[in-house]
Amino acid sequence: MLKGLGGLGDMAKMMKAAQEMQGKMEQLQEDLTAITVVGESGAGLVKATATAKGELTALDVDPSIFNPEEKEVVEDLILAAIKDAQAKAKEKSREEVSKLTEGMGLPPGFKLPF
């Protein structure tokens, strides 16, 4: 179709590939809201569940840690579980984006703008 136009044919292919990538990235962003990770602290006494986008969706606290004298310990465990879930969400998101981009010939560690 664009054979006689030299580099324009390559440009058309690049534009089509970019459009396909945009569609795949939009789908991935939707998928990341359905993927969940669980962060833990205190040997599993506190568990925080988050989406792969980092949105906290649930918090599970073992009732055995509810001692009024240990309020600060409980707060620290909750924060640690949330941070663990957020770190796992970030890593899961990176893994999913990497799966999507590995066949594109992009250099390792290449960061997309989303």
C-alpha atoms as a PDB file:
ATOM      1  CA  MET A   1       0.000   0.000   0.000  1.00  0.00           C
ATOM      2  CA  LEU A   2       2.689   2.533   0.955  1.00  0.00           C
ATOM      3  CA  LYS A   3       5.507   0.661  -0.759  1.00  0.00           C
ATOM      4  CA  GLY A   4       6.642   3.487  -3.015  1.00  0.00           C
ATOM      5  CA  LEU A   5       6.748   6.023  -0.182  1.00  0.00           C
ATOM      6  CA  GLY A   6       9.985   4.861   1.468  1.00  0.00           C
ATOM      7  CA  GLY A   7      10.126   5.752   5.162  1.00  0.00           C
ATOM      8  CA  LEU A   8       6.437   6.649   5.320  1.00  0.00           C
ATOM      9  CA  GLY A   9       5.539   2.961   5.228  1.00  0.00           C
ATOM     10  CA  ASP A  10       7.738   2.379   8.254  1.00  0.00           C
ATOM     11  CA  MET A  11       6.166   5.375   9.961  1.00  0.00           C
ATOM     12  CA  ALA A  12       2.688   3.944   9.343  1.00  0.00           C
ATOM     13  CA  LYS A  13       3.788   0.650  10.904  1.00  0.00           C
ATOM     14  CA  MET A  14       5.201   2.501  13.894  1.00  0.00           C
ATOM     15  CA  MET A  15       1.985   4.479  14.346  1.00  0.00           C
ATOM     16  CA  LYS A  16      -0.091   1.295  14.163  1.00  0.00           C
ATOM     17  CA  ALA A  17       2.200  -0.377  16.722  1.00  0.00           C
ATOM     18  CA  ALA A  18       1.923   2.661  18.992  1.00  0.00           C
ATOM     19  CA  GLN A  19      -1.874   2.552  18.795  1.00  0.00           C
ATOM     20  CA  GLU A  20      -1.856  -1.162  19.607  1.00  0.00           C
ATOM     21  CA  MET A  21       0.459  -0.535  22.563  1.00  0.00           C
ATOM     22  CA  GLN A  22      -1.823   2.220  23.826  1.00  0.00           C
ATOM     23  CA  GLY A  23      -4.787  -0.146  23.719  1.00  0.00           C
ATOM     24  CA  LYS A  24      -2.831  -2.853  25.520  1.00  0.00           C
ATOM     25  CA  MET A  25      -1.679  -0.402  28.192  1.00  0.00           C
ATOM     26  CA  GLU A  26      -5.244   0.796  28.749  1.00  0.00           C
ATOM     27  CA  GLN A  27      -6.333  -2.826  29.192  1.00  0.00           C
ATOM     28  CA  LEU A  28      -3.412  -3.434  31.556  1.00  0.00           C
ATOM     29  CA  GLN A  29      -4.415  -0.447  33.682  1.00  0.00           C
ATOM     30  CA  GLU A  30      -7.879  -1.988  34.020  1.00  0.00           C
ATOM     31  CA  ASP A  31      -6.384  -5.403  34.800  1.00  0.00           C
ATOM     32  CA  LEU A  32      -4.182  -3.950  37.557  1.00  0.00           C
ATOM     33  CA  THR A  33      -7.294  -2.972  39.488  1.00  0.00           C
ATOM     34  CA  ALA A  34      -8.380  -6.641  39.544  1.00  0.00           C
ATOM     35  CA  ILE A  35      -5.004  -8.079  40.611  1.00  0.00           C
ATOM     36  CA  THR A  36      -4.538  -8.136  44.387  1.00  0.00           C
ATOM     37  CA  VAL A  37      -1.538  -8.549  46.655  1.00  0.00           C
ATOM     38  CA  VAL A  38      -1.380  -9.087  50.421  1.00  0.00           C
ATOM     39  CA  GLY A  39       1.188  -7.399  52.643  1.00  0.00           C
ATOM     40  CA  GLU A  40       1.854  -8.763  56.114  1.00  0.00           C
ATOM     41  CA  SER A  41       3.511  -7.760  59.331  1.00  0.00           C
ATOM     42  CA  GLY A  42       3.875  -9.234  62.794  1.00  0.00           C
ATOM     43  CA  ALA A  43       4.206 -12.772  61.404  1.00  0.00           C
ATOM     44  CA  GLY A  44       0.802 -12.481  59.761  1.00  0.00           C
ATOM     45  CA  LEU A  45      -1.016 -10.808  62.656  1.00  0.00           C
ATOM     46  CA  VAL A  46      -1.801  -7.845  60.411  1.00  0.00           C
ATOM     47  CA  LYS A  47      -2.584  -8.255  56.711  1.00  0.00           C
ATOM     48  CA  ALA A  48      -3.278  -5.500  54.204  1.00  0.00           C
ATOM     49  CA  THR A  49      -4.767  -6.284  50.800  1.00  0.00           C
ATOM     50  CA  ALA A  50      -4.249  -3.894  47.894  1.00  0.00           C
ATOM     51  CA  THR A  51      -4.766  -3.828  44.154  1.00  0.00           C
ATOM     52  CA  ALA A  52      -1.700  -3.922  41.911  1.00  0.00           C
ATOM     53  CA  LYS A  53      -2.327  -0.200  41.442  1.00  0.00           C
ATOM     54  CA  GLY A  54      -1.654   0.279  45.160  1.00  0.00           C
ATOM     55  CA  GLU A  55      -5.212   0.942  46.346  1.00  0.00           C
ATOM     56  CA  LEU A  56      -5.787  -0.513  49.808  1.00  0.00           C
ATOM     57  CA  THR A  57      -8.908  -2.701  49.707  1.00  0.00           C
ATOM     58  CA  ALA A  58      -8.879  -4.640  52.987  1.00  0.00           C
ATOM     59  CA  LEU A  59      -7.212  -4.796  56.370  1.00  0.00           C
ATOM     60  CA  ASP A  60      -7.244  -7.885  58.590  1.00  0.00           C
ATOM     61  CA  VAL A  61      -6.038  -7.576  62.180  1.00  0.00           C
ATOM     62  CA  ASP A  62      -5.780 -10.630  64.438  1.00  0.00           C
ATOM     63  CA  PRO A  63      -7.796  -9.847  67.601  1.00  0.00           C
ATOM     64  CA  SER A  64      -5.027 -11.190  69.829  1.00  0.00           C
ATOM     65  CA  ILE A  65      -3.040  -7.977  69.372  1.00  0.00           C
ATOM     66  CA  PHE A  66      -5.701  -5.678  70.820  1.00  0.00           C
ATOM     67  CA  ASN A  67      -4.088  -4.843  74.100  1.00  0.00           C
ATOM     68  CA  PRO A  68      -4.568  -1.192  75.149  1.00  0.00           C
ATOM     69  CA  GLU A  69      -1.002  -0.991  76.475  1.00  0.00           C
ATOM     70  CA  GLU A  70       0.343  -1.967  73.042  1.00  0.00           C
ATOM     71  CA  LYS A  71      -1.552   0.567  70.954  1.00  0.00           C
ATOM     72  CA  GLU A  72       1.628   1.913  69.333  1.00  0.00           C
ATOM     73  CA  VAL A  73       2.796  -1.598  68.438  1.00  0.00           C
ATOM     74  CA  VAL A  74      -0.526  -2.289  66.702  1.00  0.00           C
ATOM     75  CA  GLU A  75      -0.307   0.997  64.804  1.00  0.00           C
ATOM     76  CA  ASP A  76       3.244   0.161  63.711  1.00  0.00           C
ATOM     77  CA  LEU A  77       2.158  -3.302  62.557  1.00  0.00           C
ATOM     78  CA  ILE A  78      -0.711  -1.838  60.557  1.00  0.00           C
ATOM     79  CA  LEU A  79       1.557   0.696  58.876  1.00  0.00           C
ATOM     80  CA  ALA A  80       4.137  -2.010  58.126  1.00  0.00           C
ATOM     81  CA  ALA A  81       1.497  -4.261  56.535  1.00  0.00           C
ATOM     82  CA  ILE A  82       0.202  -1.391  54.396  1.00  0.00           C
ATOM     83  CA  LYS A  83       3.716  -0.473  53.253  1.00  0.00           C
ATOM     84  CA  ASP A  84       4.416  -4.138  52.457  1.00  0.00           C
ATOM     85  CA  ALA A  85       1.221  -4.363  50.387  1.00  0.00           C
ATOM     86  CA  GLN A  86       2.078  -1.148  48.533  1.00  0.00           C
ATOM     87  CA  ALA A  87       5.603  -2.401  47.766  1.00  0.00           C
ATOM     88  CA  LYS A  88       4.200  -5.693  46.482  1.00  0.00           C
ATOM     89  CA  ALA A  89       1.618  -3.815  44.409  1.00  0.00           C
ATOM     90  CA  LYS A  90       4.332  -1.692  42.822  1.00  0.00           C
ATOM     91  CA  GLU A  91       6.418  -4.779  42.007  1.00  0.00           C
ATOM     92  CA  LYS A  92       3.397  -6.632  40.576  1.00  0.00           C
ATOM     93  CA  SER A  93       2.568  -3.632  38.428  1.00  0.00           C
ATOM     94  CA  ARG A  94       6.161  -3.550  37.129  1.00  0.00           C
ATOM     95  CA  GLU A  95       5.987  -7.278  36.343  1.00  0.00           C
ATOM     96  CA  GLU A  96       2.758  -6.870  34.392  1.00  0.00           C
ATOM     97  CA  VAL A  97       4.082  -3.905  32.387  1.00  0.00           C
ATOM     98  CA  SER A  98       7.297  -5.826  31.720  1.00  0.00           C
ATOM     99  CA  LYS A  99       5.312  -8.779  30.337  1.00  0.00           C
ATOM    100  CA  LEU A 100       3.544  -6.401  27.989  1.00  0.00           C
ATOM    101  CA  THR A 101       6.663  -4.632  26.745  1.00  0.00           C
ATOM    102  CA  GLU A 102       9.174  -7.496  26.559  1.00  0.00           C
ATOM    103  CA  GLY A 103       8.292  -8.334  22.964  1.00  0.00           C
ATOM    104  CA  MET A 104       8.722  -4.753  21.783  1.00  0.00           C
ATOM    105  CA  GLY A 105      12.512  -4.679  21.859  1.00  0.00           C
ATOM    106  CA  LEU A 106      12.636  -1.917  24.453  1.00  0.00           C
ATOM    107  CA  PRO A 107      15.792  -1.758  26.582  1.00  0.00           C
ATOM    108  CA  PRO A 108      15.605  -3.442  30.010  1.00  0.00           C
ATOM    109  CA  GLY A 109      14.305  -1.056  32.658  1.00  0.00           C
ATOM    110  CA  PHE A 110      12.664   1.228  30.098  1.00  0.00           C
ATOM    111  CA  LYS A 111       9.946   3.168  31.878  1.00  0.00           C
ATOM    112  CA  LEU A 112       6.714   4.044  30.176  1.00  0.00           C
ATOM    113  CA  PRO A 113       4.953   7.270  31.161  1.00  0.00           C
ATOM    114  CA  PHE A 114       2.103   5.575  33.063  1.00  0.00           C
END
